Amino acid sequence: MNKYAGYINLKNLNGVLYPSSIQNIMMKEYIQKTLNGIFYLSPTEVLQAKFPITLKTLISKETKVKGIVMLSSFYLPEDYKIRVKIYNDLLKMRKTFHFILDEITLKKKSDINKVEEFL
């Protein structure tokens, strides 16, 4: 079975703050039921950080997961250049993004357009 990492961000999402405990429950259920995978971990992004350090760590080759699951693509960095770098790094590492509420999966380069259009 493949391992998937949850990614928690405590920013408001359309005016709603999803507590980390709720995000963990949603991601674990999605990974186990939809992806038939193993729930690896759910680190929380540091809100004060200028760059998404936690997200970059999950994408790196040191973290042995098939993909990263988060509630929404709106938890990606606001800066387009940083997002593109993250997309490219993710695909280079042969990992995937799964955005639960958006019902979008990024598996290949052409999926980047779907995510960007949604944003």
PDB file of N, CA and C in Angstrom:
ATOM      1  N   MET A   1       0.838  -1.189   0.000  1.00  0.00           N
ATOM      2  CA  MET A   1       0.000   0.000   0.000  1.00  0.00           C
ATOM      3  C   MET A   1       0.883   1.252   0.000  1.00  0.00           C
ATOM      4  N   ASN A   2       0.415   2.267  -0.692  1.00  0.00           N
ATOM      5  CA  ASN A   2       1.142   3.528  -0.763  1.00  0.00           C
ATOM      6  C   ASN A   2       0.888   4.381   0.473  1.00  0.00           C
ATOM      7  N   LYS A   3       1.911   5.137   0.861  1.00  0.00           N
ATOM      8  CA  LYS A   3       1.792   6.074   1.972  1.00  0.00           C
ATOM      9  C   LYS A   3       1.501   7.463   1.416  1.00  0.00           C
ATOM     10  N   TYR A   4       0.625   8.180   2.106  1.00  0.00           N
ATOM     11  CA  TYR A   4       0.301   9.560   1.751  1.00  0.00           C
ATOM     12  C   TYR A   4       0.428  10.425   2.995  1.00  0.00           C
ATOM     13  N   ALA A   5       0.972  11.599   2.820  1.00  0.00           N
ATOM     14  CA  ALA A   5       1.121  12.537   3.932  1.00  0.00           C
ATOM     15  C   ALA A   5       0.014  13.569   3.886  1.00  0.00           C
ATOM     16  N   GLY A   6      -0.564  13.838   5.030  1.00  0.00           N
ATOM     17  CA  GLY A   6      -1.493  14.948   5.140  1.00  0.00           C
ATOM     18  C   GLY A   6      -0.690  16.229   5.324  1.00  0.00           C
ATOM     19  N   TYR A   7      -1.271  17.343   4.938  1.00  0.00           N
ATOM     20  CA  TYR A   7      -0.616  18.646   5.090  1.00  0.00           C
ATOM     21  C   TYR A   7      -1.633  19.601   5.694  1.00  0.00           C
ATOM     22  N   ILE A   8      -1.333  20.100   6.871  1.00  0.00           N
ATOM     23  CA  ILE A   8      -2.249  20.989   7.580  1.00  0.00           C
ATOM     24  C   ILE A   8      -1.804  22.433   7.431  1.00  0.00           C
ATOM     25  N   ASN A   9      -2.777  23.280   7.139  1.00  0.00           N
ATOM     26  CA  ASN A   9      -2.544  24.717   7.099  1.00  0.00           C
ATOM     27  C   ASN A   9      -3.675  25.353   7.892  1.00  0.00           C
ATOM     28  N   LEU A  10      -3.328  26.256   8.779  1.00  0.00           N
ATOM     29  CA  LEU A  10      -4.329  26.847   9.664  1.00  0.00           C
ATOM     30  C   LEU A  10      -4.810  28.217   9.198  1.00  0.00           C
ATOM     31  N   LYS A  11      -4.701  28.474   7.893  1.00  0.00           N
ATOM     32  CA  LYS A  11      -5.275  29.700   7.338  1.00  0.00           C
ATOM     33  C   LYS A  11      -6.783  29.510   7.193  1.00  0.00           C
ATOM     34  N   ASN A  12      -7.504  30.618   7.221  1.00  0.00           N
ATOM     35  CA  ASN A  12      -8.937  30.563   6.947  1.00  0.00           C
ATOM     36  C   ASN A  12      -9.162  30.120   5.513  1.00  0.00           C
ATOM     37  N   LEU A  13     -10.170  29.313   5.325  1.00  0.00           N
ATOM     38  CA  LEU A  13     -10.546  28.841   3.997  1.00  0.00           C
ATOM     39  C   LEU A  13     -11.972  29.302   3.752  1.00  0.00           C
ATOM     40  N   ASN A  14     -12.122  30.329   2.928  1.00  0.00           N
ATOM     41  CA  ASN A  14     -13.441  30.930   2.680  1.00  0.00           C
ATOM     42  C   ASN A  14     -14.132  31.350   3.987  1.00  0.00           C
ATOM     43  N   GLY A  15     -13.344  31.919   4.881  1.00  0.00           N
ATOM     44  CA  GLY A  15     -13.883  32.405   6.145  1.00  0.00           C
ATOM     45  C   GLY A  15     -14.044  31.350   7.219  1.00  0.00           C
ATOM     46  N   VAL A  16     -13.647  30.117   6.930  1.00  0.00           N
ATOM     47  CA  VAL A  16     -13.778  29.025   7.894  1.00  0.00           C
ATOM     48  C   VAL A  16     -12.387  28.567   8.316  1.00  0.00           C
ATOM     49  N   LEU A  17     -12.204  28.437   9.617  1.00  0.00           N
ATOM     50  CA  LEU A  17     -10.952  27.910  10.140  1.00  0.00           C
ATOM     51  C   LEU A  17     -11.176  26.446  10.525  1.00  0.00           C
ATOM     52  N   TYR A  18     -10.544  25.549   9.805  1.00  0.00           N
ATOM     53  CA  TYR A  18     -10.650  24.124  10.100  1.00  0.00           C
ATOM     54  C   TYR A  18      -9.551  23.766  11.099  1.00  0.00           C
ATOM     55  N   PRO A  19      -9.916  23.355  12.308  1.00  0.00           N
ATOM     56  CA  PRO A  19      -8.900  22.973  13.295  1.00  0.00           C
ATOM     57  C   PRO A  19      -8.065  21.805  12.778  1.00  0.00           C
ATOM     58  N   SER A  20      -6.843  21.695  13.259  1.00  0.00           N
ATOM     59  CA  SER A  20      -5.954  20.626  12.801  1.00  0.00           C
ATOM     60  C   SER A  20      -6.563  19.244  13.063  1.00  0.00           C
ATOM     61  N   SER A  21      -7.288  19.088  14.159  1.00  0.00           N
ATOM     62  CA  SER A  21      -7.891  17.784  14.454  1.00  0.00           C
ATOM     63  C   SER A  21      -8.910  17.385  13.384  1.00  0.00           C
ATOM     64  N   ILE A  22      -9.694  18.342  12.910  1.00  0.00           N
ATOM     65  CA  ILE A  22     -10.690  18.074  11.861  1.00  0.00           C
ATOM     66  C   ILE A  22      -9.984  17.780  10.539  1.00  0.00           C
ATOM     67  N   GLN A  23      -8.953  18.571  10.227  1.00  0.00           N
ATOM     68  CA  GLN A  23      -8.198  18.321   8.987  1.00  0.00           C
ATOM     69  C   GLN A  23      -7.596  16.920   9.007  1.00  0.00           C
ATOM     70  N   ASN A  24      -7.031  16.517  10.147  1.00  0.00           N
ATOM     71  CA  ASN A  24      -6.449  15.179  10.263  1.00  0.00           C
ATOM     72  C   ASN A  24      -7.479  14.089  10.012  1.00  0.00           C
ATOM     73  N   ILE A  25      -8.643  14.233  10.597  1.00  0.00           N
ATOM     74  CA  ILE A  25      -9.709  13.234  10.421  1.00  0.00           C
ATOM     75  C   ILE A  25     -10.108  13.148   8.946  1.00  0.00           C
ATOM     76  N   MET A  26     -10.305  14.311   8.314  1.00  0.00           N
ATOM     77  CA  MET A  26     -10.714  14.329   6.902  1.00  0.00           C
ATOM     78  C   MET A  26      -9.656  13.715   6.002  1.00  0.00           C
ATOM     79  N   MET A  27      -8.392  14.052   6.251  1.00  0.00           N
ATOM     80  CA  MET A  27      -7.310  13.527   5.408  1.00  0.00           C
ATOM     81  C   MET A  27      -7.118  12.026   5.613  1.00  0.00           C
ATOM     82  N   LYS A  28      -7.170  11.594   6.860  1.00  0.00           N
ATOM     83  CA  LYS A  28      -7.005  10.160   7.136  1.00  0.00           C
ATOM     84  C   LYS A  28      -8.105   9.354   6.449  1.00  0.00           C
ATOM     85  N   GLU A  29      -9.348   9.821   6.560  1.00  0.00           N
ATOM     86  CA  GLU A  29     -10.463   9.123   5.919  1.00  0.00           C
ATOM     87  C   GLU A  29     -10.298   9.103   4.397  1.00  0.00           C
ATOM     88  N   TYR A  30      -9.914  10.226   3.806  1.00  0.00           N
ATOM     89  CA  TYR A  30      -9.722  10.317   2.356  1.00  0.00           C
ATOM     90  C   TYR A  30      -8.627   9.343   1.905  1.00  0.00           C
ATOM     91  N   ILE A  31      -7.513   9.339   2.631  1.00  0.00           N
ATOM     92  CA  ILE A  31      -6.389   8.473   2.259  1.00  0.00           C
ATOM     93  C   ILE A  31      -6.781   6.999   2.364  1.00  0.00           C
ATOM     94  N   GLN A  32      -7.442   6.642   3.437  1.00  0.00           N
ATOM     95  CA  GLN A  32      -7.789   5.243   3.632  1.00  0.00           C
ATOM     96  C   GLN A  32      -8.923   4.775   2.722  1.00  0.00           C
ATOM     97  N   LYS A  33      -9.949   5.597   2.552  1.00  0.00           N
ATOM     98  CA  LYS A  33     -11.127   5.155   1.789  1.00  0.00           C
ATOM     99  C   LYS A  33     -11.034   5.447   0.292  1.00  0.00           C
ATOM    100  N   THR A  34     -10.527   6.617  -0.082  1.00  0.00           N
ATOM    101  CA  THR A  34     -10.484   6.990  -1.496  1.00  0.00           C
ATOM    102  C   THR A  34      -9.210   6.503  -2.178  1.00  0.00           C
ATOM    103  N   LEU A  35      -8.074   6.657  -1.496  1.00  0.00           N
ATOM    104  CA  LEU A  35      -6.799   6.281  -2.106  1.00  0.00           C
ATOM    105  C   LEU A  35      -6.345   4.874  -1.723  1.00  0.00           C
ATOM    106  N   ASN A  36      -7.066   4.239  -0.793  1.00  0.00           N
ATOM    107  CA  ASN A  36      -6.663   2.922  -0.288  1.00  0.00           C
ATOM    108  C   ASN A  36      -5.201   2.916   0.132  1.00  0.00           C
ATOM    109  N   GLY A  37      -4.814   3.976   0.819  1.00  0.00           N
ATOM    110  CA  GLY A  37      -3.433   4.129   1.230  1.00  0.00           C
ATOM    111  C   GLY A  37      -3.270   4.154   2.732  1.00  0.00           C
ATOM    112  N   ILE A  38      -2.029   4.381   3.120  1.00  0.00           N
ATOM    113  CA  ILE A  38      -1.657   4.478   4.526  1.00  0.00           C
ATOM    114  C   ILE A  38      -1.449   5.954   4.859  1.00  0.00           C
ATOM    115  N   PHE A  39      -2.057   6.391   5.918  1.00  0.00           N
ATOM    116  CA  PHE A  39      -1.950   7.768   6.401  1.00  0.00           C
ATOM    117  C   PHE A  39      -0.603   7.913   7.098  1.00  0.00           C
ATOM    118  N   TYR A  40       0.262   8.758   6.549  1.00  0.00           N
ATOM    119  CA  TYR A  40       1.640   8.868   7.038  1.00  0.00           C
ATOM    120  C   TYR A  40       1.773   9.854   8.182  1.00  0.00           C
ATOM    121  N   LEU A  41       1.486  11.102   7.951  1.00  0.00           N
ATOM    122  CA  LEU A  41       1.611  12.132   8.971  1.00  0.00           C
ATOM    123  C   LEU A  41       0.950  13.402   8.470  1.00  0.00           C
ATOM    124  N   SER A  42       0.726  14.329   9.369  1.00  0.00           N
ATOM    125  CA  SER A  42       0.130  15.611   8.988  1.00  0.00           C
ATOM    126  C   SER A  42       0.856  16.747   9.696  1.00  0.00           C
ATOM    127  N   PRO A  43       1.980  17.165   9.163  1.00  0.00           N
ATOM    128  CA  PRO A  43       2.648  18.307   9.788  1.00  0.00           C
ATOM    129  C   PRO A  43       1.873  19.595   9.498  1.00  0.00           C
ATOM    130  N   THR A  44       2.025  20.561  10.384  1.00  0.00           N
ATOM    131  CA  THR A  44       1.350  21.844  10.236  1.00  0.00           C
ATOM    132  C   THR A  44       2.335  22.885   9.724  1.00  0.00           C
ATOM    133  N   GLU A  45       1.894  23.642   8.719  1.00  0.00           N
ATOM    134  CA  GLU A  45       2.741  24.713   8.180  1.00  0.00           C
ATOM    135  C   GLU A  45       2.840  25.837   9.204  1.00  0.00           C
ATOM    136  N   VAL A  46       4.027  26.384   9.332  1.00  0.00           N
ATOM    137  CA  VAL A  46       4.251  27.517  10.225  1.00  0.00           C
ATOM    138  C   VAL A  46       3.645  28.754   9.572  1.00  0.00           C
ATOM    139  N   LEU A  47       2.673  29.361  10.234  1.00  0.00           N
ATOM    140  CA  LEU A  47       1.948  30.487   9.640  1.00  0.00           C
ATOM    141  C   LEU A  47       2.825  31.710   9.407  1.00  0.00           C
ATOM    142  N   GLN A  48       3.828  31.902  10.238  1.00  0.00           N
ATOM    143  CA  GLN A  48       4.670  33.080  10.108  1.00  0.00           C
ATOM    144  C   GLN A  48       5.742  32.923   9.034  1.00  0.00           C
ATOM    145  N   ALA A  49       5.932  31.717   8.538  1.00  0.00           N
ATOM    146  CA  ALA A  49       6.983  31.469   7.554  1.00  0.00           C
ATOM    147  C   ALA A  49       6.668  32.166   6.240  1.00  0.00           C
ATOM    148  N   LYS A  50       7.696  32.763   5.660  1.00  0.00           N
ATOM    149  CA  LYS A  50       7.523  33.437   4.380  1.00  0.00           C
ATOM    150  C   LYS A  50       7.359  32.421   3.244  1.00  0.00           C
ATOM    151  N   PHE A  51       8.003  31.277   3.398  1.00  0.00           N
ATOM    152  CA  PHE A  51       7.944  30.224   2.391  1.00  0.00           C
ATOM    153  C   PHE A  51       7.371  28.951   3.017  1.00  0.00           C
ATOM    154  N   PRO A  52       6.738  28.113   2.208  1.00  0.00           N
ATOM    155  CA  PRO A  52       6.105  26.893   2.730  1.00  0.00           C
ATOM    156  C   PRO A  52       7.132  25.796   3.023  1.00  0.00           C
ATOM    157  N   ILE A  53       7.832  25.933   4.119  1.00  0.00           N
ATOM    158  CA  ILE A  53       8.919  25.021   4.470  1.00  0.00           C
ATOM    159  C   ILE A  53       8.408  23.596   4.677  1.00  0.00           C
ATOM    160  N   THR A  54       7.330  23.463   5.390  1.00  0.00           N
ATOM    161  CA  THR A  54       6.787  22.124   5.668  1.00  0.00           C
ATOM    162  C   THR A  54       6.358  21.435   4.383  1.00  0.00           C
ATOM    163  N   LEU A  55       5.704  22.171   3.503  1.00  0.00           N
ATOM    164  CA  LEU A  55       5.263  21.601   2.228  1.00  0.00           C
ATOM    165  C   LEU A  55       6.464  21.161   1.394  1.00  0.00           C
ATOM    166  N   LYS A  56       7.496  21.970   1.350  1.00  0.00           N
ATOM    167  CA  LYS A  56       8.697  21.602   0.594  1.00  0.00           C
ATOM    168  C   LYS A  56       9.362  20.358   1.169  1.00  0.00           C
ATOM    169  N   THR A  57       9.317  20.209   2.481  1.00  0.00           N
ATOM    170  CA  THR A  57       9.884  19.016   3.118  1.00  0.00           C
ATOM    171  C   THR A  57       9.110  17.763   2.705  1.00  0.00           C
ATOM    172  N   LEU A  58       7.783  17.867   2.660  1.00  0.00           N
ATOM    173  CA  LEU A  58       6.968  16.717   2.243  1.00  0.00           C
ATOM    174  C   LEU A  58       7.241  16.324   0.794  1.00  0.00           C
ATOM    175  N   ILE A  59       7.547  17.300  -0.033  1.00  0.00           N
ATOM    176  CA  ILE A  59       7.811  17.035  -1.450  1.00  0.00           C
ATOM    177  C   ILE A  59       9.198  16.431  -1.660  1.00  0.00           C
ATOM    178  N   SER A  60      10.122  16.715  -0.774  1.00  0.00           N
ATOM    179  CA  SER A  60      11.509  16.274  -0.942  1.00  0.00           C
ATOM    180  C   SER A  60      11.630  14.755  -0.982  1.00  0.00           C
ATOM    181  N   LYS A  61      12.757  14.305  -1.515  1.00  0.00           N
ATOM    182  CA  LYS A  61      12.980  12.861  -1.628  1.00  0.00           C
ATOM    183  C   LYS A  61      13.177  12.191  -0.282  1.00  0.00           C
ATOM    184  N   GLU A  62      13.487  12.973   0.755  1.00  0.00           N
ATOM    185  CA  GLU A  62      13.672  12.401   2.091  1.00  0.00           C
ATOM    186  C   GLU A  62      12.365  11.887   2.686  1.00  0.00           C
ATOM    187  N   THR A  63      11.248  12.474   2.282  1.00  0.00           N
ATOM    188  CA  THR A  63       9.946  12.035   2.777  1.00  0.00           C
ATOM    189  C   THR A  63       9.397  11.012   1.795  1.00  0.00           C
ATOM    190  N   LYS A  64       9.326   9.778   2.249  1.00  0.00           N
ATOM    191  CA  LYS A  64       8.943   8.649   1.384  1.00  0.00           C
ATOM    192  C   LYS A  64       7.433   8.464   1.344  1.00  0.00           C
ATOM    193  N   VAL A  65       6.773   9.306   0.558  1.00  0.00           N
ATOM    194  CA  VAL A  65       5.329   9.192   0.376  1.00  0.00           C
ATOM    195  C   VAL A  65       4.999   9.249  -1.110  1.00  0.00           C
ATOM    196  N   LYS A  66       3.858   8.680  -1.463  1.00  0.00           N
ATOM    197  CA  LYS A  66       3.383   8.689  -2.856  1.00  0.00           C
ATOM    198  C   LYS A  66       2.757  10.035  -3.208  1.00  0.00           C
ATOM    199  N   GLY A  67       2.137  10.671  -2.204  1.00  0.00           N
ATOM    200  CA  GLY A  67       1.481  11.936  -2.471  1.00  0.00           C
ATOM    201  C   GLY A  67       1.180  12.707  -1.206  1.00  0.00           C
ATOM    202  N   ILE A  68       0.674  13.912  -1.417  1.00  0.00           N
ATOM    203  CA  ILE A  68       0.345  14.827  -0.330  1.00  0.00           C
ATOM    204  C   ILE A  68      -1.128  15.189  -0.444  1.00  0.00           C
ATOM    205  N   VAL A  69      -1.826  15.095   0.680  1.00  0.00           N
ATOM    206  CA  VAL A  69      -3.253  15.377   0.723  1.00  0.00           C
ATOM    207  C   VAL A  69      -3.473  16.620   1.578  1.00  0.00           C
ATOM    208  N   MET A  70      -4.275  17.560   1.050  1.00  0.00           N
ATOM    209  CA  MET A  70      -4.646  18.739   1.832  1.00  0.00           C
ATOM    210  C   MET A  70      -6.099  19.070   1.550  1.00  0.00           C
ATOM    211  N   LEU A  71      -6.679  19.853   2.418  1.00  0.00           N
ATOM    212  CA  LEU A  71      -8.093  20.179   2.266  1.00  0.00           C
ATOM    213  C   LEU A  71      -8.401  20.888   0.961  1.00  0.00           C
ATOM    214  N   SER A  72      -7.580  21.868   0.593  1.00  0.00           N
ATOM    215  CA  SER A  72      -7.887  22.675  -0.588  1.00  0.00           C
ATOM    216  C   SER A  72      -6.619  23.217  -1.236  1.00  0.00           C
ATOM    217  N   SER A  73      -6.721  23.473  -2.520  1.00  0.00           N
ATOM    218  CA  SER A  73      -5.610  24.106  -3.239  1.00  0.00           C
ATOM    219  C   SER A  73      -5.384  25.540  -2.752  1.00  0.00           C
ATOM    220  N   PHE A  74      -6.374  26.105  -2.057  1.00  0.00           N
ATOM    221  CA  PHE A  74      -6.218  27.452  -1.516  1.00  0.00           C
ATOM    222  C   PHE A  74      -5.214  27.492  -0.364  1.00  0.00           C
ATOM    223  N   TYR A  75      -4.757  26.316   0.085  1.00  0.00           N
ATOM    224  CA  TYR A  75      -3.697  26.262   1.088  1.00  0.00           C
ATOM    225  C   TYR A  75      -2.313  26.312   0.454  1.00  0.00           C
ATOM    226  N   LEU A  76      -2.255  26.312  -0.869  1.00  0.00           N
ATOM    227  CA  LEU A  76      -0.977  26.497  -1.548  1.00  0.00           C
ATOM    228  C   LEU A  76      -0.549  27.954  -1.382  1.00  0.00           C
ATOM    229  N   PRO A  77       0.737  28.240  -1.572  1.00  0.00           N
ATOM    230  CA  PRO A  77       1.199  29.631  -1.459  1.00  0.00           C
ATOM    231  C   PRO A  77       0.469  30.547  -2.436  1.00  0.00           C
ATOM    232  N   GLU A  78       0.261  31.781  -2.033  1.00  0.00           N
ATOM    233  CA  GLU A  78      -0.421  32.754  -2.883  1.00  0.00           C
ATOM    234  C   GLU A  78       0.429  33.182  -4.071  1.00  0.00           C
ATOM    235  N   ASP A  79       1.725  33.186  -3.910  1.00  0.00           N
ATOM    236  CA  ASP A  79       2.652  33.634  -4.952  1.00  0.00           C
ATOM    237  C   ASP A  79       2.724  32.590  -6.080  1.00  0.00           C
ATOM    238  N   TYR A  80       2.382  33.014  -7.284  1.00  0.00           N
ATOM    239  CA  TYR A  80       2.344  32.108  -8.439  1.00  0.00           C
ATOM    240  C   TYR A  80       3.697  31.446  -8.701  1.00  0.00           C
ATOM    241  N   LYS A  81       4.784  32.203  -8.627  1.00  0.00           N
ATOM    242  CA  LYS A  81       6.115  31.649  -8.901  1.00  0.00           C
ATOM    243  C   LYS A  81       6.476  30.555  -7.899  1.00  0.00           C
ATOM    244  N   ILE A  82       6.110  30.760  -6.655  1.00  0.00           N
ATOM    245  CA  ILE A  82       6.390  29.743  -5.637  1.00  0.00           C
ATOM    246  C   ILE A  82       5.547  28.499  -5.904  1.00  0.00           C
ATOM    247  N   ARG A  83       4.283  28.696  -6.286  1.00  0.00           N
ATOM    248  CA  ARG A  83       3.414  27.543  -6.614  1.00  0.00           C
ATOM    249  C   ARG A  83       3.980  26.741  -7.769  1.00  0.00           C
ATOM    250  N   VAL A  84       4.418  27.413  -8.821  1.00  0.00           N
ATOM    251  CA  VAL A  84       4.963  26.711  -9.994  1.00  0.00           C
ATOM    252  C   VAL A  84       6.192  25.896  -9.600  1.00  0.00           C
ATOM    253  N   LYS A  85       7.035  26.451  -8.767  1.00  0.00           N
ATOM    254  CA  LYS A  85       8.220  25.729  -8.286  1.00  0.00           C
ATOM    255  C   LYS A  85       7.781  24.483  -7.502  1.00  0.00           C
ATOM    256  N   ILE A  86       6.777  24.639  -6.666  1.00  0.00           N
ATOM    257  CA  ILE A  86       6.267  23.503  -5.889  1.00  0.00           C
ATOM    258  C   ILE A  86       5.694  22.433  -6.814  1.00  0.00           C
ATOM    259  N   TYR A  87       4.885  22.838  -7.801  1.00  0.00           N
ATOM    260  CA  TYR A  87       4.331  21.871  -8.760  1.00  0.00           C
ATOM    261  C   TYR A  87       5.452  21.095  -9.450  1.00  0.00           C
ATOM    262  N   ASN A  88       6.441  21.829  -9.950  1.00  0.00           N
ATOM    263  CA  ASN A  88       7.541  21.192 -10.686  1.00  0.00           C
ATOM    264  C   ASN A  88       8.344  20.256  -9.794  1.00  0.00           C
ATOM    265  N   ASP A  89       8.608  20.678  -8.563  1.00  0.00           N
ATOM    266  CA  ASP A  89       9.341  19.815  -7.628  1.00  0.00           C
ATOM    267  C   ASP A  89       8.538  18.558  -7.315  1.00  0.00           C
ATOM    268  N   LEU A  90       7.237  18.714  -7.117  1.00  0.00           N
ATOM    269  CA  LEU A  90       6.358  17.587  -6.823  1.00  0.00           C
ATOM    270  C   LEU A  90       6.404  16.563  -7.960  1.00  0.00           C
ATOM    271  N   LEU A  91       6.233  17.038  -9.190  1.00  0.00           N
ATOM    272  CA  LEU A  91       6.227  16.137 -10.348  1.00  0.00           C
ATOM    273  C   LEU A  91       7.596  15.509 -10.574  1.00  0.00           C
ATOM    274  N   LYS A  92       8.642  16.259 -10.305  1.00  0.00           N
ATOM    275  CA  LYS A  92      10.003  15.740 -10.442  1.00  0.00           C
ATOM    276  C   LYS A  92      10.240  14.575  -9.472  1.00  0.00           C
ATOM    277  N   MET A  93       9.650  14.662  -8.297  1.00  0.00           N
ATOM    278  CA  MET A  93       9.782  13.602  -7.289  1.00  0.00           C
ATOM    279  C   MET A  93       8.760  12.479  -7.497  1.00  0.00           C
ATOM    280  N   ARG A  94       7.943  12.615  -8.556  1.00  0.00           N
ATOM    281  CA  ARG A  94       6.916  11.619  -8.896  1.00  0.00           C
ATOM    282  C   ARG A  94       5.911  11.416  -7.763  1.00  0.00           C
ATOM    283  N   LYS A  95       5.506  12.536  -7.197  1.00  0.00           N
ATOM    284  CA  LYS A  95       4.494  12.533  -6.149  1.00  0.00           C
ATOM    285  C   LYS A  95       3.239  13.216  -6.682  1.00  0.00           C
ATOM    286  N   THR A  96       2.170  13.142  -5.915  1.00  0.00           N
ATOM    287  CA  THR A  96       0.899  13.723  -6.343  1.00  0.00           C
ATOM    288  C   THR A  96       0.336  14.632  -5.254  1.00  0.00           C
ATOM    289  N   PHE A  97      -0.520  15.566  -5.673  1.00  0.00           N
ATOM    290  CA  PHE A  97      -1.298  16.392  -4.753  1.00  0.00           C
ATOM    291  C   PHE A  97      -2.750  15.933  -4.844  1.00  0.00           C
ATOM    292  N   HIS A  98      -3.416  15.904  -3.713  1.00  0.00           N
ATOM    293  CA  HIS A  98      -4.843  15.581  -3.667  1.00  0.00           C
ATOM    294  C   HIS A  98      -5.511  16.659  -2.826  1.00  0.00           C
ATOM    295  N   PHE A  99      -6.443  17.390  -3.428  1.00  0.00           N
ATOM    296  CA  PHE A  99      -7.157  18.469  -2.749  1.00  0.00           C
ATOM    297  C   PHE A  99      -8.583  17.981  -2.497  1.00  0.00           C
ATOM    298  N   ILE A 100      -8.880  17.663  -1.255  1.00  0.00           N
ATOM    299  CA  ILE A 100     -10.136  16.992  -0.899  1.00  0.00           C
ATOM    300  C   ILE A 100     -11.370  17.806  -1.279  1.00  0.00           C
ATOM    301  N   LEU A 101     -11.492  19.012  -0.769  1.00  0.00           N
ATOM    302  CA  LEU A 101     -12.708  19.801  -0.991  1.00  0.00           C
ATOM    303  C   LEU A 101     -12.861  20.262  -2.439  1.00  0.00           C
ATOM    304  N   ASP A 102     -11.733  20.446  -3.121  1.00  0.00           N
ATOM    305  CA  ASP A 102     -11.758  20.897  -4.519  1.00  0.00           C
ATOM    306  C   ASP A 102     -12.037  19.747  -5.485  1.00  0.00           C
ATOM    307  N   GLU A 103     -11.847  18.514  -5.009  1.00  0.00           N
ATOM    308  CA  GLU A 103     -11.976  17.311  -5.839  1.00  0.00           C
ATOM    309  C   GLU A 103     -11.048  17.378  -7.044  1.00  0.00           C
ATOM    310  N   ILE A 104      -9.802  17.782  -6.788  1.00  0.00           N
ATOM    311  CA  ILE A 104      -8.781  17.891  -7.834  1.00  0.00           C
ATOM    312  C   ILE A 104      -7.566  17.078  -7.409  1.00  0.00           C
ATOM    313  N   THR A 105      -6.974  16.382  -8.365  1.00  0.00           N
ATOM    314  CA  THR A 105      -5.718  15.670  -8.143  1.00  0.00           C
ATOM    315  C   THR A 105      -4.704  16.165  -9.163  1.00  0.00           C
ATOM    316  N   LEU A 106      -3.505  16.431  -8.693  1.00  0.00           N
ATOM    317  CA  LEU A 106      -2.417  16.844  -9.584  1.00  0.00           C
ATOM    318  C   LEU A 106      -1.444  15.675  -9.678  1.00  0.00           C
ATOM    319  N   LYS A 107      -1.442  15.022 -10.851  1.00  0.00           N
ATOM    320  CA  LYS A 107      -0.579  13.859 -11.082  1.00  0.00           C
ATOM    321  C   LYS A 107       0.413  14.097 -12.203  1.00  0.00           C
ATOM    322  N   LYS A 108       0.046  14.989 -13.135  1.00  0.00           N
ATOM    323  CA  LYS A 108       0.889  15.233 -14.307  1.00  0.00           C
ATOM    324  C   LYS A 108       0.883  16.724 -14.631  1.00  0.00           C
ATOM    325  N   LYS A 109       1.777  17.109 -15.480  1.00  0.00           N
ATOM    326  CA  LYS A 109       1.971  18.525 -15.797  1.00  0.00           C
ATOM    327  C   LYS A 109       0.692  19.213 -16.267  1.00  0.00           C
ATOM    328  N   SER A 110      -0.116  18.524 -17.057  1.00  0.00           N
ATOM    329  CA  SER A 110      -1.350  19.131 -17.565  1.00  0.00           C
ATOM    330  C   SER A 110      -2.364  19.413 -16.446  1.00  0.00           C
ATOM    331  N   ASP A 111      -2.224  18.736 -15.296  1.00  0.00           N
ATOM    332  CA  ASP A 111      -3.128  18.975 -14.170  1.00  0.00           C
ATOM    333  C   ASP A 111      -2.869  20.324 -13.498  1.00  0.00           C
ATOM    334  N   ILE A 112      -1.709  20.897 -13.724  1.00  0.00           N
ATOM    335  CA  ILE A 112      -1.389  22.203 -13.146  1.00  0.00           C
ATOM    336  C   ILE A 112      -2.427  23.235 -13.593  1.00  0.00           C
ATOM    337  N   ASN A 113      -2.822  23.181 -14.859  1.00  0.00           N
ATOM    338  CA  ASN A 113      -3.820  24.128 -15.370  1.00  0.00           C
ATOM    339  C   ASN A 113      -5.144  24.003 -14.634  1.00  0.00           C
ATOM    340  N   LYS A 114      -5.551  22.777 -14.297  1.00  0.00           N
ATOM    341  CA  LYS A 114      -6.799  22.575 -13.560  1.00  0.00           C
ATOM    342  C   LYS A 114      -6.737  23.260 -12.195  1.00  0.00           C
ATOM    343  N   VAL A 115      -5.614  23.094 -11.524  1.00  0.00           N
ATOM    344  CA  VAL A 115      -5.447  23.707 -10.203  1.00  0.00           C
ATOM    345  C   VAL A 115      -5.432  25.214 -10.321  1.00  0.00           C
ATOM    346  N   GLU A 116      -4.677  25.739 -11.268  1.00  0.00           N
ATOM    347  CA  GLU A 116      -4.572  27.195 -11.433  1.00  0.00           C
ATOM    348  C   GLU A 116      -5.906  27.817 -11.847  1.00  0.00           C
ATOM    349  N   GLU A 117      -6.660  27.150 -12.695  1.00  0.00           N
ATOM    350  CA  GLU A 117      -7.978  27.668 -13.079  1.00  0.00           C
ATOM    351  C   GLU A 117      -8.914  27.681 -11.881  1.00  0.00           C
ATOM    352  N   PHE A 118      -8.808  26.676 -11.026  1.00  0.00           N
ATOM    353  CA  PHE A 118      -9.637  26.622  -9.841  1.00  0.00           C
ATOM    354  C   PHE A 118      -9.310  27.778  -8.886  1.00  0.00           C
ATOM    355  N   LEU A 119      -8.003  28.052  -8.768  1.00  0.00           N
ATOM    356  CA  LEU A 119      -7.586  29.155  -7.894  1.00  0.00           C
ATOM    357  C   LEU A 119      -8.025  30.476  -8.461  1.00  0.00           C
TER     358      LEU A 119
END
